Amino acid sequence: MKTDRYSLGLALGSGAARGLAHIGVLKALDAEEVRIDFIAGTSIGALIGALYAAGITAAEIERVACGVDWRQLVRLVDPIFPTSGLIDGKKVARFISELLPVRTFEELKIPMALVATDVETGEALTIRQGNLLEALRAAVAFPGIFTPVRFGNRFLVDGGLCNPIPADVIRAMGADVVIGVCAIPAMNRSRRETYLPLPSGEIPTAHPLRGRFTPKGVERLLRDLWPFNNAPEDRGERKPPGIFKVCAQSVAIMENQINDLRLENNDIDVLIRPELGTLTLLEFNRAEEAIRAGEEATLHQIEKIRRLVEVD
């Protein structure tokens, strides 16, 4: 069948709060009337992509992202006795279900694939049918924080661990032109490897953790470690990063290395990499900045995108 355009696929990657830039990408494509035929997403990209594929406009997603009081999201914490994660994630799943107007992949208006990671084998798993909510819960299950999600006989976590920008998935879905959106921060590699002497003096005795790993105790712990807790540092000393930041930054370091290798091999026609400056992985409260960065980066590439999708 003759067509006046090539099909266009959008691969939305991971990046935590930086991934809110995906909303700006979608917003710019909407404004320029560029039609998307396929979407693949992992982590935050899976959630934003699913909302868009379900028929929610980028402008509506933007209103939600900018209207949420991110500092109140601790209410979504459903702590459990730590076995494979600190948070069960059921409240987060209910929050997502309230945003999504559909429940299955088959109901989506745009064909979509979600990428998750089998935490036991390390395999990337592409999900394209069935229960969309369970697939989303798996795709965004940040390791160490959220418990793995059982999916058949597998236990799944965040797909960004093995496929930070699922451009190959988009190509396999049949897209002629592939746009990859990378919100993963480039790590600061300017520091040379250094060896520091251990501090002298007595090693302090650890505080007992009795009572900390009851449900209420874990919730208090999470409140203390929540990234939006801006309590002043004692005596001007630097405090060690909280568990959320440690997990996020550790995963970011791994994803950065994997992403560099995959970008060399992936067949991406247009790579959109927003300039996100000092915006960190957990600053969801800076949604407007992230969205604006995604919009600007897309508009810089819009003519190239148009040329690629047009049939000569």
C-alpha atoms as a PDB file:
ATOM      1  CA  MET A   1       0.000   0.000   0.000  1.00  0.00           C
ATOM      2  CA  LYS A   2       1.389   3.373  -1.000  1.00  0.00           C
ATOM      3  CA  THR A   3       1.875   5.917   1.767  1.00  0.00           C
ATOM      4  CA  ASP A   4       3.019   9.523   1.872  1.00  0.00           C
ATOM      5  CA  ARG A   5       5.241   9.010   4.918  1.00  0.00           C
ATOM      6  CA  TYR A   6       7.491   6.532   6.658  1.00  0.00           C
ATOM      7  CA  SER A   7       6.376   5.135  10.000  1.00  0.00           C
ATOM      8  CA  LEU A   8       7.883   6.790  13.065  1.00  0.00           C
ATOM      9  CA  GLY A   9       8.808   5.106  16.341  1.00  0.00           C
ATOM     10  CA  LEU A  10       9.748   6.777  19.609  1.00  0.00           C
ATOM     11  CA  ALA A  11      12.002   5.124  22.190  1.00  0.00           C
ATOM     12  CA  LEU A  12      11.681   6.790  25.595  1.00  0.00           C
ATOM     13  CA  GLY A  13      14.489   5.936  27.981  1.00  0.00           C
ATOM     14  CA  SER A  14      15.132   5.957  31.698  1.00  0.00           C
ATOM     15  CA  GLY A  15      16.457   8.818  33.808  1.00  0.00           C
ATOM     16  CA  ALA A  16      14.138   9.191  36.834  1.00  0.00           C
ATOM     17  CA  ALA A  17      13.171  12.874  37.256  1.00  0.00           C
ATOM     18  CA  ARG A  18      15.197  13.818  34.197  1.00  0.00           C
ATOM     19  CA  GLY A  19      12.879  11.564  32.213  1.00  0.00           C
ATOM     20  CA  LEU A  20      10.129  14.143  32.658  1.00  0.00           C
ATOM     21  CA  ALA A  21      11.837  15.706  29.628  1.00  0.00           C
ATOM     22  CA  HIS A  22       9.984  13.054  27.599  1.00  0.00           C
ATOM     23  CA  ILE A  23       6.825  15.072  28.164  1.00  0.00           C
ATOM     24  CA  GLY A  24       8.459  18.038  26.445  1.00  0.00           C
ATOM     25  CA  VAL A  25       9.492  15.834  23.522  1.00  0.00           C
ATOM     26  CA  LEU A  26       5.908  14.667  23.064  1.00  0.00           C
ATOM     27  CA  LYS A  27       4.627  18.210  23.499  1.00  0.00           C
ATOM     28  CA  ALA A  28       6.887  19.505  20.704  1.00  0.00           C
ATOM     29  CA  LEU A  29       5.950  16.657  18.366  1.00  0.00           C
ATOM     30  CA  ASP A  30       2.262  17.335  19.033  1.00  0.00           C
ATOM     31  CA  ALA A  31       2.696  21.046  18.327  1.00  0.00           C
ATOM     32  CA  GLU A  32       4.469  20.251  15.037  1.00  0.00           C
ATOM     33  CA  GLU A  33       1.793  17.661  14.140  1.00  0.00           C
ATOM     34  CA  VAL A  34       4.337  14.847  13.872  1.00  0.00           C
ATOM     35  CA  ARG A  35       2.459  11.563  14.178  1.00  0.00           C
ATOM     36  CA  ILE A  36       3.976   8.742  16.241  1.00  0.00           C
ATOM     37  CA  ASP A  37       3.223   5.199  15.078  1.00  0.00           C
ATOM     38  CA  PHE A  38       5.054   3.134  17.702  1.00  0.00           C
ATOM     39  CA  ILE A  39       6.312   3.751  21.239  1.00  0.00           C
ATOM     40  CA  ALA A  40       8.705   1.746  23.385  1.00  0.00           C
ATOM     41  CA  GLY A  41       9.624   2.767  26.900  1.00  0.00           C
ATOM     42  CA  THR A  42      11.552   1.760  29.937  1.00  0.00           C
ATOM     43  CA  SER A  43      11.408   3.108  33.499  1.00  0.00           C
ATOM     44  CA  ILE A  44      10.022   6.683  33.540  1.00  0.00           C
ATOM     45  CA  GLY A  45       9.817   6.500  29.738  1.00  0.00           C
ATOM     46  CA  ALA A  46       7.487   3.516  30.030  1.00  0.00           C
ATOM     47  CA  LEU A  47       5.058   5.440  32.237  1.00  0.00           C
ATOM     48  CA  ILE A  48       5.000   8.620  30.141  1.00  0.00           C
ATOM     49  CA  GLY A  49       4.837   6.624  26.915  1.00  0.00           C
ATOM     50  CA  ALA A  50       1.917   4.548  28.187  1.00  0.00           C
ATOM     51  CA  LEU A  51      -0.071   7.633  29.149  1.00  0.00           C
ATOM     52  CA  TYR A  52       0.466   9.113  25.694  1.00  0.00           C
ATOM     53  CA  ALA A  53      -0.262   5.827  23.908  1.00  0.00           C
ATOM     54  CA  ALA A  54      -3.517   5.610  25.861  1.00  0.00           C
ATOM     55  CA  GLY A  55      -4.697   8.848  24.256  1.00  0.00           C
ATOM     56  CA  ILE A  56      -3.714  11.412  26.902  1.00  0.00           C
ATOM     57  CA  THR A  57      -2.183  14.448  25.219  1.00  0.00           C
ATOM     58  CA  ALA A  58       1.264  15.725  26.113  1.00  0.00           C
ATOM     59  CA  ALA A  59      -0.328  18.943  27.406  1.00  0.00           C
ATOM     60  CA  GLU A  60      -2.530  16.940  29.782  1.00  0.00           C
ATOM     61  CA  ILE A  61       0.434  14.878  30.996  1.00  0.00           C
ATOM     62  CA  GLU A  62       2.338  18.135  31.560  1.00  0.00           C
ATOM     63  CA  ARG A  63      -0.498  19.527  33.698  1.00  0.00           C
ATOM     64  CA  VAL A  64      -0.419  16.425  35.885  1.00  0.00           C
ATOM     65  CA  ALA A  65       3.385  16.428  36.246  1.00  0.00           C
ATOM     66  CA  CYS A  66       3.532  20.125  37.119  1.00  0.00           C
ATOM     67  CA  GLY A  67       0.472  19.976  39.359  1.00  0.00           C
ATOM     68  CA  VAL A  68       1.628  17.133  41.590  1.00  0.00           C
ATOM     69  CA  ASP A  69       3.109  18.085  44.940  1.00  0.00           C
ATOM     70  CA  TRP A  70       6.069  15.726  44.628  1.00  0.00           C
ATOM     71  CA  ARG A  71       7.048  16.297  48.250  1.00  0.00           C
ATOM     72  CA  GLN A  72       3.822  14.631  49.285  1.00  0.00           C
ATOM     73  CA  LEU A  73       4.529  11.427  47.353  1.00  0.00           C
ATOM     74  CA  VAL A  74       5.801   9.877  50.564  1.00  0.00           C
ATOM     75  CA  ARG A  75       2.108   9.095  51.040  1.00  0.00           C
ATOM     76  CA  LEU A  76       2.533   6.491  48.309  1.00  0.00           C
ATOM     77  CA  VAL A  77       5.136   4.673  50.363  1.00  0.00           C
ATOM     78  CA  ASP A  78       3.922   1.252  51.490  1.00  0.00           C
ATOM     79  CA  PRO A  79       6.964  -0.004  53.412  1.00  0.00           C
ATOM     80  CA  ILE A  80       7.476  -3.691  54.047  1.00  0.00           C
ATOM     81  CA  PHE A  81       9.967  -5.663  56.074  1.00  0.00           C
ATOM     82  CA  PRO A  82      12.995  -5.412  53.770  1.00  0.00           C
ATOM     83  CA  THR A  83      13.570  -8.610  51.839  1.00  0.00           C
ATOM     84  CA  SER A  84      13.972  -7.590  48.195  1.00  0.00           C
ATOM     85  CA  GLY A  85      13.052  -3.908  48.443  1.00  0.00           C
ATOM     86  CA  LEU A  86      11.958  -1.188  50.857  1.00  0.00           C
ATOM     87  CA  ILE A  87       8.638  -0.389  49.175  1.00  0.00           C
ATOM     88  CA  ASP A  88       6.010  -2.843  47.988  1.00  0.00           C
ATOM     89  CA  GLY A  89       4.774  -0.485  45.249  1.00  0.00           C
ATOM     90  CA  LYS A  90       1.059  -1.290  45.427  1.00  0.00           C
ATOM     91  CA  LYS A  91       0.158   2.308  46.261  1.00  0.00           C
ATOM     92  CA  VAL A  92       2.265   3.532  43.361  1.00  0.00           C
ATOM     93  CA  ALA A  93       0.436   1.040  41.117  1.00  0.00           C
ATOM     94  CA  ARG A  94      -2.912   2.431  42.299  1.00  0.00           C
ATOM     95  CA  PHE A  95      -1.668   5.961  41.611  1.00  0.00           C
ATOM     96  CA  ILE A  96      -0.734   4.930  38.058  1.00  0.00           C
ATOM     97  CA  SER A  97      -4.069   3.181  37.580  1.00  0.00           C
ATOM     98  CA  GLU A  98      -5.889   6.403  38.427  1.00  0.00           C
ATOM     99  CA  LEU A  99      -3.978   8.190  35.648  1.00  0.00           C
ATOM    100  CA  LEU A 100      -4.446   5.523  32.970  1.00  0.00           C
ATOM    101  CA  PRO A 101      -7.803   5.298  31.171  1.00  0.00           C
ATOM    102  CA  VAL A 102      -7.056   1.745  29.933  1.00  0.00           C
ATOM    103  CA  ARG A 103      -5.958  -1.518  31.521  1.00  0.00           C
ATOM    104  CA  THR A 104      -4.498  -3.592  28.688  1.00  0.00           C
ATOM    105  CA  PHE A 105      -2.032  -3.131  25.841  1.00  0.00           C
ATOM    106  CA  GLU A 106      -4.773  -4.027  23.399  1.00  0.00           C
ATOM    107  CA  GLU A 107      -6.740  -0.897  24.395  1.00  0.00           C
ATOM    108  CA  LEU A 108      -3.908   1.522  23.623  1.00  0.00           C
ATOM    109  CA  LYS A 109      -4.362   3.899  20.699  1.00  0.00           C
ATOM    110  CA  ILE A 110      -0.681   3.627  19.697  1.00  0.00           C
ATOM    111  CA  PRO A 111       1.115   0.247  19.684  1.00  0.00           C
ATOM    112  CA  MET A 112       3.515   0.125  22.612  1.00  0.00           C
ATOM    113  CA  ALA A 113       6.165  -2.089  24.151  1.00  0.00           C
ATOM    114  CA  LEU A 114       7.536  -1.893  27.696  1.00  0.00           C
ATOM    115  CA  VAL A 115      10.979  -3.131  28.672  1.00  0.00           C
ATOM    116  CA  ALA A 116      11.740  -4.706  32.053  1.00  0.00           C
ATOM    117  CA  THR A 117      14.678  -6.682  33.432  1.00  0.00           C
ATOM    118  CA  ASP A 118      14.552 -10.222  34.805  1.00  0.00           C
ATOM    119  CA  VAL A 119      16.395  -9.635  38.070  1.00  0.00           C
ATOM    120  CA  GLU A 120      17.500 -13.277  38.300  1.00  0.00           C
ATOM    121  CA  THR A 121      18.840 -13.812  34.771  1.00  0.00           C
ATOM    122  CA  GLY A 122      19.639 -10.247  33.702  1.00  0.00           C
ATOM    123  CA  GLU A 123      17.576 -10.661  30.533  1.00  0.00           C
ATOM    124  CA  ALA A 124      15.681  -7.786  28.980  1.00  0.00           C
ATOM    125  CA  LEU A 125      12.011  -8.669  28.629  1.00  0.00           C
ATOM    126  CA  THR A 126       9.814  -6.876  26.094  1.00  0.00           C
ATOM    127  CA  ILE A 127       6.120  -6.818  27.040  1.00  0.00           C
ATOM    128  CA  ARG A 128       3.535  -5.959  24.373  1.00  0.00           C
ATOM    129  CA  GLN A 129       0.288  -7.595  25.427  1.00  0.00           C
ATOM    130  CA  GLY A 130      -1.913  -8.319  28.384  1.00  0.00           C
ATOM    131  CA  ASN A 131      -2.065  -6.466  31.682  1.00  0.00           C
ATOM    132  CA  LEU A 132      -0.636  -2.979  31.110  1.00  0.00           C
ATOM    133  CA  LEU A 133      -0.662  -1.975  34.782  1.00  0.00           C
ATOM    134  CA  GLU A 134       1.377  -4.964  35.923  1.00  0.00           C
ATOM    135  CA  ALA A 135       3.821  -4.437  33.057  1.00  0.00           C
ATOM    136  CA  LEU A 136       4.207  -0.779  34.031  1.00  0.00           C
ATOM    137  CA  ARG A 137       4.715  -1.669  37.659  1.00  0.00           C
ATOM    138  CA  ALA A 138       7.557  -3.966  36.594  1.00  0.00           C
ATOM    139  CA  ALA A 139       9.095  -1.480  34.143  1.00  0.00           C
ATOM    140  CA  VAL A 140       9.396   1.221  36.827  1.00  0.00           C
ATOM    141  CA  ALA A 141      10.414  -1.022  39.750  1.00  0.00           C
ATOM    142  CA  PHE A 142      13.602   0.752  40.778  1.00  0.00           C
ATOM    143  CA  PRO A 143      15.958  -1.927  42.151  1.00  0.00           C
ATOM    144  CA  GLY A 144      16.624  -1.797  45.859  1.00  0.00           C
ATOM    145  CA  ILE A 145      13.732   0.572  46.498  1.00  0.00           C
ATOM    146  CA  PHE A 146      10.753  -1.265  44.987  1.00  0.00           C
ATOM    147  CA  THR A 147      10.294  -4.994  45.327  1.00  0.00           C
ATOM    148  CA  PRO A 148      10.570  -6.974  42.062  1.00  0.00           C
ATOM    149  CA  VAL A 149       7.243  -7.637  40.351  1.00  0.00           C
ATOM    150  CA  ARG A 150       6.217 -11.205  39.697  1.00  0.00           C
ATOM    151  CA  PHE A 151       5.351 -11.658  36.029  1.00  0.00           C
ATOM    152  CA  GLY A 152       4.547 -15.280  35.293  1.00  0.00           C
ATOM    153  CA  ASN A 153       7.568 -17.213  36.563  1.00  0.00           C
ATOM    154  CA  ARG A 154       9.867 -14.186  36.402  1.00  0.00           C
ATOM    155  CA  PHE A 155      10.682 -11.414  38.853  1.00  0.00           C
ATOM    156  CA  LEU A 156      11.065  -8.115  37.022  1.00  0.00           C
ATOM    157  CA  VAL A 157      12.596  -4.733  37.805  1.00  0.00           C
ATOM    158  CA  ASP A 158      13.389  -1.501  35.955  1.00  0.00           C
ATOM    159  CA  GLY A 159      14.186  -2.151  32.280  1.00  0.00           C
ATOM    160  CA  GLY A 160      16.780   0.617  32.230  1.00  0.00           C
ATOM    161  CA  LEU A 161      19.280  -1.760  33.824  1.00  0.00           C
ATOM    162  CA  CYS A 162      19.886  -3.524  30.522  1.00  0.00           C
ATOM    163  CA  ASN A 163      18.242  -1.376  27.838  1.00  0.00           C
ATOM    164  CA  PRO A 164      18.197   2.317  28.829  1.00  0.00           C
ATOM    165  CA  ILE A 165      16.878   3.481  25.420  1.00  0.00           C
ATOM    166  CA  PRO A 166      14.915   0.665  23.725  1.00  0.00           C
ATOM    167  CA  ALA A 167      15.515   1.784  20.141  1.00  0.00           C
ATOM    168  CA  ASP A 168      16.074  -1.805  18.992  1.00  0.00           C
ATOM    169  CA  VAL A 169      12.614  -2.687  20.306  1.00  0.00           C
ATOM    170  CA  ILE A 170      11.082   0.127  18.245  1.00  0.00           C
ATOM    171  CA  ARG A 171      12.869  -1.091  15.118  1.00  0.00           C
ATOM    172  CA  ALA A 172      11.612  -4.632  15.733  1.00  0.00           C
ATOM    173  CA  MET A 173       8.059  -3.297  16.037  1.00  0.00           C
ATOM    174  CA  GLY A 174       8.299  -2.133  12.432  1.00  0.00           C
ATOM    175  CA  ALA A 175       9.226   1.556  12.613  1.00  0.00           C
ATOM    176  CA  ASP A 176      10.980   2.926   9.521  1.00  0.00           C
ATOM    177  CA  VAL A 177      12.366   5.926  11.407  1.00  0.00           C
ATOM    178  CA  VAL A 178      13.523   5.652  15.032  1.00  0.00           C
ATOM    179  CA  ILE A 179      13.819   8.553  17.459  1.00  0.00           C
ATOM    180  CA  GLY A 180      15.661   7.808  20.695  1.00  0.00           C
ATOM    181  CA  VAL A 181      15.252  10.111  23.683  1.00  0.00           C
ATOM    182  CA  CYS A 182      18.107  10.019  26.179  1.00  0.00           C
ATOM    183  CA  ALA A 183      17.631  11.670  29.561  1.00  0.00           C
ATOM    184  CA  ILE A 184      20.457   9.782  31.238  1.00  0.00           C
ATOM    185  CA  PRO A 185      22.987  12.221  32.698  1.00  0.00           C
ATOM    186  CA  ALA A 186      26.561  12.067  31.547  1.00  0.00           C
ATOM    187  CA  MET A 187      28.707  11.212  34.528  1.00  0.00           C
ATOM    188  CA  ASN A 188      31.460  13.582  35.643  1.00  0.00           C
ATOM    189  CA  ARG A 189      34.608  11.813  34.484  1.00  0.00           C
ATOM    190  CA  SER A 190      36.975  14.724  35.142  1.00  0.00           C
ATOM    191  CA  ARG A 191      38.127  13.404  38.498  1.00  0.00           C
ATOM    192  CA  ARG A 192      41.068  11.040  38.448  1.00  0.00           C
ATOM    193  CA  GLU A 193      41.053   7.917  40.557  1.00  0.00           C
ATOM    194  CA  THR A 194      42.319   8.801  44.006  1.00  0.00           C
ATOM    195  CA  TYR A 195      43.243   6.850  47.100  1.00  0.00           C
ATOM    196  CA  LEU A 196      42.303   8.471  50.374  1.00  0.00           C
ATOM    197  CA  PRO A 197      43.702   7.548  53.785  1.00  0.00           C
ATOM    198  CA  LEU A 198      41.252   6.206  56.299  1.00  0.00           C
ATOM    199  CA  PRO A 199      40.376   8.771  58.963  1.00  0.00           C
ATOM    200  CA  SER A 200      42.231   8.324  62.220  1.00  0.00           C
ATOM    201  CA  GLY A 201      40.542   7.882  65.560  1.00  0.00           C
ATOM    202  CA  GLU A 202      38.085   5.443  66.977  1.00  0.00           C
ATOM    203  CA  ILE A 203      35.471   3.842  64.781  1.00  0.00           C
ATOM    204  CA  PRO A 204      32.078   5.007  66.067  1.00  0.00           C
ATOM    205  CA  THR A 205      29.671   2.388  67.286  1.00  0.00           C
ATOM    206  CA  ALA A 206      26.687   1.957  65.006  1.00  0.00           C
ATOM    207  CA  HIS A 207      23.306   2.993  66.370  1.00  0.00           C
ATOM    208  CA  PRO A 208      21.009   0.047  66.994  1.00  0.00           C
ATOM    209  CA  LEU A 209      18.325  -0.477  64.320  1.00  0.00           C
ATOM    210  CA  ARG A 210      15.838  -2.081  66.667  1.00  0.00           C
ATOM    211  CA  GLY A 211      12.356  -1.011  65.671  1.00  0.00           C
ATOM    212  CA  ARG A 212      13.480   0.650  62.424  1.00  0.00           C
ATOM    213  CA  PHE A 213      12.252  -2.169  60.195  1.00  0.00           C
ATOM    214  CA  THR A 214       8.697  -2.327  61.370  1.00  0.00           C
ATOM    215  CA  PRO A 215       6.326  -0.777  58.776  1.00  0.00           C
ATOM    216  CA  LYS A 216       6.112   2.484  60.746  1.00  0.00           C
ATOM    217  CA  GLY A 217       9.840   2.423  61.390  1.00  0.00           C
ATOM    218  CA  VAL A 218      10.665   2.022  57.697  1.00  0.00           C
ATOM    219  CA  GLU A 219       8.264   4.815  56.811  1.00  0.00           C
ATOM    220  CA  ARG A 220      10.016   7.109  59.311  1.00  0.00           C
ATOM    221  CA  LEU A 221      13.343   6.048  57.828  1.00  0.00           C
ATOM    222  CA  LEU A 222      12.124   6.840  54.312  1.00  0.00           C
ATOM    223  CA  ARG A 223      10.867  10.237  55.457  1.00  0.00           C
ATOM    224  CA  ASP A 224      14.341  10.957  56.848  1.00  0.00           C
ATOM    225  CA  LEU A 225      16.014   9.845  53.623  1.00  0.00           C
ATOM    226  CA  TRP A 226      13.499  11.324  51.179  1.00  0.00           C
ATOM    227  CA  PRO A 227      15.388  13.500  48.650  1.00  0.00           C
ATOM    228  CA  PHE A 228      13.173  16.543  49.276  1.00  0.00           C
ATOM    229  CA  ASN A 229      14.098  16.647  52.939  1.00  0.00           C
ATOM    230  CA  ASN A 230      16.083  19.880  53.062  1.00  0.00           C
ATOM    231  CA  ALA A 231      17.150  19.823  56.682  1.00  0.00           C
ATOM    232  CA  PRO A 232      20.342  21.849  57.246  1.00  0.00           C
ATOM    233  CA  GLU A 233      23.584  19.951  57.672  1.00  0.00           C
ATOM    234  CA  ASP A 234      25.096  19.845  61.166  1.00  0.00           C
ATOM    235  CA  ARG A 235      28.208  21.954  61.755  1.00  0.00           C
ATOM    236  CA  GLY A 236      28.614  22.574  58.039  1.00  0.00           C
ATOM    237  CA  GLU A 237      29.692  18.959  57.448  1.00  0.00           C
ATOM    238  CA  ARG A 238      28.635  17.046  54.360  1.00  0.00           C
ATOM    239  CA  LYS A 239      26.161  14.306  55.161  1.00  0.00           C
ATOM    240  CA  PRO A 240      26.324  11.002  53.297  1.00  0.00           C
ATOM    241  CA  PRO A 241      23.670  10.702  50.578  1.00  0.00           C
ATOM    242  CA  GLY A 242      20.406   9.021  51.510  1.00  0.00           C
ATOM    243  CA  ILE A 243      19.404   5.581  50.265  1.00  0.00           C
ATOM    244  CA  PHE A 244      17.244   6.950  47.437  1.00  0.00           C
ATOM    245  CA  LYS A 245      20.146   8.982  46.094  1.00  0.00           C
ATOM    246  CA  VAL A 246      22.632   6.139  46.534  1.00  0.00           C
ATOM    247  CA  CYS A 247      20.393   3.721  44.611  1.00  0.00           C
ATOM    248  CA  ALA A 248      19.519   6.271  41.917  1.00  0.00           C
ATOM    249  CA  GLN A 249      23.108   7.345  41.368  1.00  0.00           C
ATOM    250  CA  SER A 250      24.415   3.771  41.411  1.00  0.00           C
ATOM    251  CA  VAL A 251      21.910   2.735  38.759  1.00  0.00           C
ATOM    252  CA  ALA A 252      22.698   5.910  36.779  1.00  0.00           C
ATOM    253  CA  ILE A 253      26.403   5.025  36.728  1.00  0.00           C
ATOM    254  CA  MET A 254      25.633   1.547  35.404  1.00  0.00           C
ATOM    255  CA  GLU A 255      23.070   2.800  32.903  1.00  0.00           C
ATOM    256  CA  ASN A 256      25.484   5.449  31.650  1.00  0.00           C
ATOM    257  CA  GLN A 257      28.087   2.827  30.798  1.00  0.00           C
ATOM    258  CA  ILE A 258      25.526   0.507  29.191  1.00  0.00           C
ATOM    259  CA  ASN A 259      23.899   3.392  27.354  1.00  0.00           C
ATOM    260  CA  ASP A 260      27.167   4.533  25.767  1.00  0.00           C
ATOM    261  CA  LEU A 261      27.762   1.028  24.405  1.00  0.00           C
ATOM    262  CA  ARG A 262      24.209   0.573  23.151  1.00  0.00           C
ATOM    263  CA  LEU A 263      24.114   3.976  21.459  1.00  0.00           C
ATOM    264  CA  GLU A 264      27.156   2.941  19.423  1.00  0.00           C
ATOM    265  CA  ASN A 265      25.342  -0.164  18.175  1.00  0.00           C
ATOM    266  CA  ASN A 266      21.686   0.918  18.074  1.00  0.00           C
ATOM    267  CA  ASP A 267      20.280   2.051  14.773  1.00  0.00           C
ATOM    268  CA  ILE A 268      18.852   5.405  15.924  1.00  0.00           C
ATOM    269  CA  ASP A 269      17.989   7.886  13.195  1.00  0.00           C
ATOM    270  CA  VAL A 270      17.486  10.861  15.511  1.00  0.00           C
ATOM    271  CA  LEU A 271      18.903  11.065  19.040  1.00  0.00           C
ATOM    272  CA  ILE A 272      17.289  13.687  21.255  1.00  0.00           C
ATOM    273  CA  ARG A 273      19.368  14.435  24.352  1.00  0.00           C
ATOM    274  CA  PRO A 274      17.943  17.376  26.332  1.00  0.00           C
ATOM    275  CA  GLU A 275      20.291  19.732  28.152  1.00  0.00           C
ATOM    276  CA  LEU A 276      19.214  19.174  31.752  1.00  0.00           C
ATOM    277  CA  GLY A 277      22.012  21.022  33.524  1.00  0.00           C
ATOM    278  CA  THR A 278      21.991  20.618  37.289  1.00  0.00           C
ATOM    279  CA  LEU A 279      18.665  18.798  37.445  1.00  0.00           C
ATOM    280  CA  THR A 280      19.303  15.651  39.449  1.00  0.00           C
ATOM    281  CA  LEU A 281      17.739  12.232  39.184  1.00  0.00           C
ATOM    282  CA  LEU A 282      15.356  12.744  42.111  1.00  0.00           C
ATOM    283  CA  GLU A 283      14.230  16.345  41.617  1.00  0.00           C
ATOM    284  CA  PHE A 284      10.734  15.614  40.365  1.00  0.00           C
ATOM    285  CA  ASN A 285       9.725  19.008  41.751  1.00  0.00           C
ATOM    286  CA  ARG A 286      11.609  20.608  38.815  1.00  0.00           C
ATOM    287  CA  ALA A 287       9.223  19.140  36.258  1.00  0.00           C
ATOM    288  CA  GLU A 288       8.755  22.414  34.365  1.00  0.00           C
ATOM    289  CA  GLU A 289      12.500  22.697  33.692  1.00  0.00           C
ATOM    290  CA  ALA A 290      12.776  19.123  32.469  1.00  0.00           C
ATOM    291  CA  ILE A 291       9.762  19.475  30.188  1.00  0.00           C
ATOM    292  CA  ARG A 292      11.064  22.714  28.714  1.00  0.00           C
ATOM    293  CA  ALA A 293      14.459  21.117  28.037  1.00  0.00           C
ATOM    294  CA  GLY A 294      12.818  18.208  26.217  1.00  0.00           C
ATOM    295  CA  GLU A 295      10.696  20.556  24.136  1.00  0.00           C
ATOM    296  CA  GLU A 296      13.671  22.704  23.108  1.00  0.00           C
ATOM    297  CA  ALA A 297      15.850  19.713  22.208  1.00  0.00           C
ATOM    298  CA  THR A 298      13.093  18.306  20.001  1.00  0.00           C
ATOM    299  CA  LEU A 299      12.434  21.552  18.192  1.00  0.00           C
ATOM    300  CA  HIS A 300      16.135  21.724  17.299  1.00  0.00           C
ATOM    301  CA  GLN A 301      15.737  18.375  15.513  1.00  0.00           C
ATOM    302  CA  ILE A 302      12.274  18.864  14.042  1.00  0.00           C
ATOM    303  CA  GLU A 303      13.366  19.595  10.468  1.00  0.00           C
ATOM    304  CA  LYS A 304      15.526  16.481  10.403  1.00  0.00           C
ATOM    305  CA  ILE A 305      12.593  14.433  11.688  1.00  0.00           C
ATOM    306  CA  ARG A 306      10.320  15.840   8.979  1.00  0.00           C
ATOM    307  CA  ARG A 307      12.817  15.016   6.232  1.00  0.00           C
ATOM    308  CA  LEU A 308      13.206  11.450   7.459  1.00  0.00           C
ATOM    309  CA  VAL A 309       9.497  10.656   7.579  1.00  0.00           C
ATOM    310  CA  GLU A 310       8.636  12.204   4.246  1.00  0.00           C
ATOM    311  CA  VAL A 311       8.530   9.879   1.237  1.00  0.00           C
ATOM    312  CA  ASP A 312      10.355  11.293  -1.804  1.00  0.00           C
END
